[in-house]
Protein backbone atom coordinates (compact mmCIF):
# COMPACT_ATOMS: atom_id res chain seq x y z
CA MET A 1 187.92 214.93 226.93
CA ASN A 2 186.74 217.79 224.71
CA ARG A 3 188.29 220.73 226.56
CA LYS A 4 189.18 224.13 225.13
CA HIS A 5 192.55 225.64 226.00
CA TRP A 6 191.84 229.38 225.89
CA VAL A 7 194.97 230.47 227.77
CA GLU A 8 197.23 228.45 225.47
CA ALA A 9 195.44 229.85 222.41
CA LEU A 10 195.98 233.36 223.72
CA PHE A 11 199.69 232.69 224.18
CA SER A 12 199.83 231.24 220.65
CA PHE A 13 198.12 234.35 219.33
CA PHE A 14 201.07 236.47 220.46
CA ILE A 15 204.01 234.04 220.08
CA ILE A 16 203.70 231.19 217.62
CA GLY A 17 204.40 227.84 219.28
CA SER A 18 204.15 229.02 222.89
CA GLY A 19 200.68 227.54 223.40
CA GLN A 20 201.89 224.09 222.37
CA VAL A 21 204.84 224.38 224.76
CA LEU A 22 202.49 225.39 227.60
CA LYS A 23 200.26 222.36 226.94
CA GLY A 24 203.20 220.00 227.11
CA ASP A 25 203.72 219.41 223.40
CA GLY A 26 207.15 221.02 223.37
CA GLU A 27 208.42 219.28 220.25
CA LYS A 28 205.62 220.68 218.06
CA GLY A 29 205.96 224.10 219.69
CA LEU A 30 209.71 224.17 219.08
CA LYS A 31 209.21 223.22 215.43
CA LEU A 32 206.69 226.02 214.96
CA ILE A 33 209.01 228.52 216.64
CA LEU A 34 212.00 227.48 214.52
CA ILE A 35 210.04 227.63 211.27
CA THR A 36 208.50 230.99 212.05
CA TYR A 37 211.50 232.84 213.45
CA PHE A 38 214.44 231.21 211.67
CA VAL A 39 213.63 229.22 208.52
CA ILE A 40 211.24 231.69 206.85
CA PRO A 41 213.42 234.79 207.49
CA ILE A 42 216.53 232.98 206.22
CA ALA A 43 214.67 231.96 203.04
CA ILE A 44 213.52 235.55 202.53
CA TYR A 45 217.03 236.91 203.08
CA LEU A 46 218.62 234.41 200.69
CA SER A 47 216.07 235.21 197.99
CA LEU A 48 216.89 238.91 198.39
CA ALA A 49 220.58 238.15 197.94
CA ILE A 50 219.90 236.20 194.73
CA ASN A 51 217.37 238.30 192.80
CA GLY A 52 214.86 241.11 193.41
CA LEU A 53 212.02 239.41 191.55
CA LEU A 54 212.65 236.16 193.42
CA PHE A 55 212.54 238.16 196.65
CA LEU A 56 209.09 239.55 195.85
CA THR A 57 207.79 236.10 194.98
CA VAL A 58 209.24 234.46 198.10
CA MET A 59 208.04 237.33 200.28
CA GLY A 60 204.46 236.98 198.98
CA ILE A 61 204.45 233.22 199.49
CA ALA A 62 206.01 233.61 202.95
CA ILE A 63 203.36 236.12 204.07
CA ILE A 64 200.55 233.80 202.98
CA PHE A 65 202.28 230.80 204.58
CA LEU A 66 202.88 232.64 207.86
CA ILE A 67 199.24 233.76 208.09
CA LEU A 68 198.05 230.19 207.53
CA LEU A 69 200.63 228.86 210.02
CA TRP A 70 199.52 231.44 212.60
CA ILE A 71 195.84 230.45 212.21
CA TYR A 72 196.72 226.74 212.43
CA ASN A 73 198.85 227.40 215.49
CA ILE A 74 196.02 229.12 217.36
CA TRP A 75 193.50 226.44 216.36
CA ASP A 76 195.85 223.65 217.40
CA ALA A 77 196.56 225.26 220.77
CA LEU A 78 192.83 225.68 221.36
CA THR A 79 191.68 222.17 220.47
CA TYR A 80 194.61 219.74 220.57
CA GLU A 81 194.84 217.40 223.53
CA ALA A 82 198.48 216.75 224.37
CA ILE A 83 199.30 213.20 225.44
CA VAL A 84 201.36 213.46 228.61
């Protein structure tokens, strides 16, 4: 079935991982939420505690990674068919 999940994509637009949870793929949604709201900020904070130049490098990479993760998250919520 080639069905689009517009409501789930809208939820994923605002909160990363929520669209996957709504579709029934809670494990993937939880992983996306944990990476976005815990792992990346902890890595940024630790790099700030170590060195200022390292912080700038990690912050730049994190911003690019988060933008790509956000786009993937919306696309996945829109097209992925969860197996229930």
